[in-house]
Amino acid sequence: MGEKLTNAFGLCDMHGNVWEWCGDAYGAYPENAETDPQGPVSGTYRVVRGECFLSGHWDVRSAVRALNLPDAKGPLTGMRVLMTP
C-alpha cells in the first residue's frame, strides 16, 4: 500500500513520480470555465501532467500541465497503467 492516506477515490501516492502522458494534444483551453477541459484531438505536442520527483512540492499536482513531443523519451515522463474492476 502507499505511504500517504487515500483520497476520495481510494487512491494514494498519485503525484510526484513522473510526468504522466495524457490522451489529448496540447492547446489552449476554452475561454469559459469548464470542468475537465479537453485539449485538441490532434496537434504537434501532447499533454503531460503532474510534475516529477525533481519538482518542488508546490508544483506536484495534477492541475500542472506541460507539453512534450509524442516521441520524447526519458526518465521524467511515464504513464499510469489502469485496469477496470
C-alpha atoms as a PDB file:
ATOM      1  CA  MET A   1       0.000   0.000   0.000  1.00  0.00           C
ATOM      2  CA  GLY A   2       1.050   3.608  -0.393  1.00  0.00           C
ATOM      3  CA  GLU A   3       2.749   5.851   2.102  1.00  0.00           C
ATOM      4  CA  LYS A   4       0.016   8.531   2.158  1.00  0.00           C
ATOM      5  CA  LEU A   5      -3.663   8.485   3.066  1.00  0.00           C
ATOM      6  CA  THR A   6      -6.063   7.607   0.269  1.00  0.00           C
ATOM      7  CA  ASN A   7      -8.089  10.309  -1.459  1.00  0.00           C
ATOM      8  CA  ALA A   8     -11.854  10.325  -2.113  1.00  0.00           C
ATOM      9  CA  PHE A   9     -11.334   7.834  -4.962  1.00  0.00           C
ATOM     10  CA  GLY A  10      -9.405   5.376  -2.787  1.00  0.00           C
ATOM     11  CA  LEU A  11      -6.100   6.223  -4.495  1.00  0.00           C
ATOM     12  CA  CYS A  12      -2.824   7.168  -2.853  1.00  0.00           C
ATOM     13  CA  ASP A  13       0.661   8.317  -3.887  1.00  0.00           C
ATOM     14  CA  MET A  14      -0.618   9.639  -7.209  1.00  0.00           C
ATOM     15  CA  HIS A  15       1.683  12.655  -7.593  1.00  0.00           C
ATOM     16  CA  GLY A  16       5.363  13.298  -7.930  1.00  0.00           C
ATOM     17  CA  ASN A  17       6.745  10.156  -9.538  1.00  0.00           C
ATOM     18  CA  VAL A  18       6.998  11.177 -13.199  1.00  0.00           C
ATOM     19  CA  TRP A  19       5.173  13.491 -15.573  1.00  0.00           C
ATOM     20  CA  GLU A  20       2.240  11.450 -16.871  1.00  0.00           C
ATOM     21  CA  TRP A  21       1.213  11.331 -20.515  1.00  0.00           C
ATOM     22  CA  CYS A  22      -2.399  12.358 -21.194  1.00  0.00           C
ATOM     23  CA  GLY A  23      -4.587  11.483 -24.165  1.00  0.00           C
ATOM     24  CA  ASP A  24      -5.096  14.978 -25.545  1.00  0.00           C
ATOM     25  CA  ALA A  25      -2.914  17.169 -27.699  1.00  0.00           C
ATOM     26  CA  TYR A  26      -1.630  20.400 -26.166  1.00  0.00           C
ATOM     27  CA  GLY A  27      -3.626  23.532 -26.941  1.00  0.00           C
ATOM     28  CA  ALA A  28      -5.430  26.461 -25.398  1.00  0.00           C
ATOM     29  CA  TYR A  29      -8.292  25.754 -23.023  1.00  0.00           C
ATOM     30  CA  PRO A  30     -11.739  27.225 -23.743  1.00  0.00           C
ATOM     31  CA  GLU A  31     -12.156  30.830 -22.530  1.00  0.00           C
ATOM     32  CA  ASN A  32     -15.102  29.926 -20.284  1.00  0.00           C
ATOM     33  CA  ALA A  33     -14.584  27.933 -17.095  1.00  0.00           C
ATOM     34  CA  GLU A  34     -15.079  24.239 -17.735  1.00  0.00           C
ATOM     35  CA  THR A  35     -14.819  21.071 -15.653  1.00  0.00           C
ATOM     36  CA  ASP A  36     -12.263  18.620 -17.086  1.00  0.00           C
ATOM     37  CA  PRO A  37     -11.498  20.618 -20.260  1.00  0.00           C
ATOM     38  CA  GLN A  38     -10.282  18.568 -23.192  1.00  0.00           C
ATOM     39  CA  GLY A  39      -7.479  19.663 -25.476  1.00  0.00           C
ATOM     40  CA  PRO A  40      -7.499  19.316 -29.239  1.00  0.00           C
ATOM     41  CA  VAL A  41      -7.676  15.830 -30.750  1.00  0.00           C
ATOM     42  CA  SER A  42      -4.572  16.366 -32.892  1.00  0.00           C
ATOM     43  CA  GLY A  43      -1.503  18.551 -32.729  1.00  0.00           C
ATOM     44  CA  THR A  44       2.284  18.569 -32.611  1.00  0.00           C
ATOM     45  CA  TYR A  45       2.594  18.288 -28.822  1.00  0.00           C
ATOM     46  CA  ARG A  46       0.921  16.010 -26.257  1.00  0.00           C
ATOM     47  CA  VAL A  47      -0.093  16.941 -22.714  1.00  0.00           C
ATOM     48  CA  VAL A  48       1.870  15.736 -19.683  1.00  0.00           C
ATOM     49  CA  ARG A  49       0.664  16.381 -16.119  1.00  0.00           C
ATOM     50  CA  GLY A  50       1.669  16.142 -12.504  1.00  0.00           C
ATOM     51  CA  GLU A  51       5.350  17.103 -12.401  1.00  0.00           C
ATOM     52  CA  CYS A  52       8.046  14.609 -11.314  1.00  0.00           C
ATOM     53  CA  PHE A  53      10.326  13.693  -8.431  1.00  0.00           C
ATOM     54  CA  LEU A  54      12.651  16.613  -9.270  1.00  0.00           C
ATOM     55  CA  SER A  55       9.858  19.189  -8.904  1.00  0.00           C
ATOM     56  CA  GLY A  56       9.222  21.399  -5.912  1.00  0.00           C
ATOM     57  CA  HIS A  57       6.390  20.306  -3.632  1.00  0.00           C
ATOM     58  CA  TRP A  58       4.244  23.306  -4.643  1.00  0.00           C
ATOM     59  CA  ASP A  59       4.150  22.124  -8.275  1.00  0.00           C
ATOM     60  CA  VAL A  60       3.416  18.430  -7.753  1.00  0.00           C
ATOM     61  CA  ARG A  61      -0.290  18.339  -8.559  1.00  0.00           C
ATOM     62  CA  SER A  62      -2.432  17.070 -11.417  1.00  0.00           C
ATOM     63  CA  ALA A  63      -3.521  20.599 -12.371  1.00  0.00           C
ATOM     64  CA  VAL A  64       0.019  21.368 -13.569  1.00  0.00           C
ATOM     65  CA  ARG A  65       0.115  20.894 -17.327  1.00  0.00           C
ATOM     66  CA  ALA A  66       3.014  20.947 -19.765  1.00  0.00           C
ATOM     67  CA  LEU A  67       3.739  19.736 -23.283  1.00  0.00           C
ATOM     68  CA  ASN A  68       6.097  17.243 -24.845  1.00  0.00           C
ATOM     69  CA  LEU A  69       6.689  15.750 -28.275  1.00  0.00           C
ATOM     70  CA  PRO A  70       4.915  12.386 -28.669  1.00  0.00           C
ATOM     71  CA  ASP A  71       8.176  10.506 -29.315  1.00  0.00           C
ATOM     72  CA  ALA A  72      10.066  12.081 -26.394  1.00  0.00           C
ATOM     73  CA  LYS A  73      11.742   9.569 -24.076  1.00  0.00           C
ATOM     74  CA  GLY A  74      13.421   9.929 -20.712  1.00  0.00           C
ATOM     75  CA  PRO A  75      13.290   9.113 -17.008  1.00  0.00           C
ATOM     76  CA  LEU A  76      10.980  12.010 -16.077  1.00  0.00           C
ATOM     77  CA  THR A  77       7.932  11.068 -18.176  1.00  0.00           C
ATOM     78  CA  GLY A  78       5.818   7.944 -17.987  1.00  0.00           C
ATOM     79  CA  MET A  79       2.307   6.585 -17.827  1.00  0.00           C
ATOM     80  CA  ARG A  80      -0.025   5.040 -15.300  1.00  0.00           C
ATOM     81  CA  VAL A  81      -1.489   1.648 -16.167  1.00  0.00           C
ATOM     82  CA  LEU A  82      -5.218   1.423 -15.475  1.00  0.00           C
ATOM     83  CA  MET A  83      -7.432  -1.596 -15.030  1.00  0.00           C
ATOM     84  CA  THR A  84     -11.199  -1.796 -14.837  1.00  0.00           C
ATOM     85  CA  PRO A  85     -12.609  -3.781 -11.911  1.00  0.00           C
END
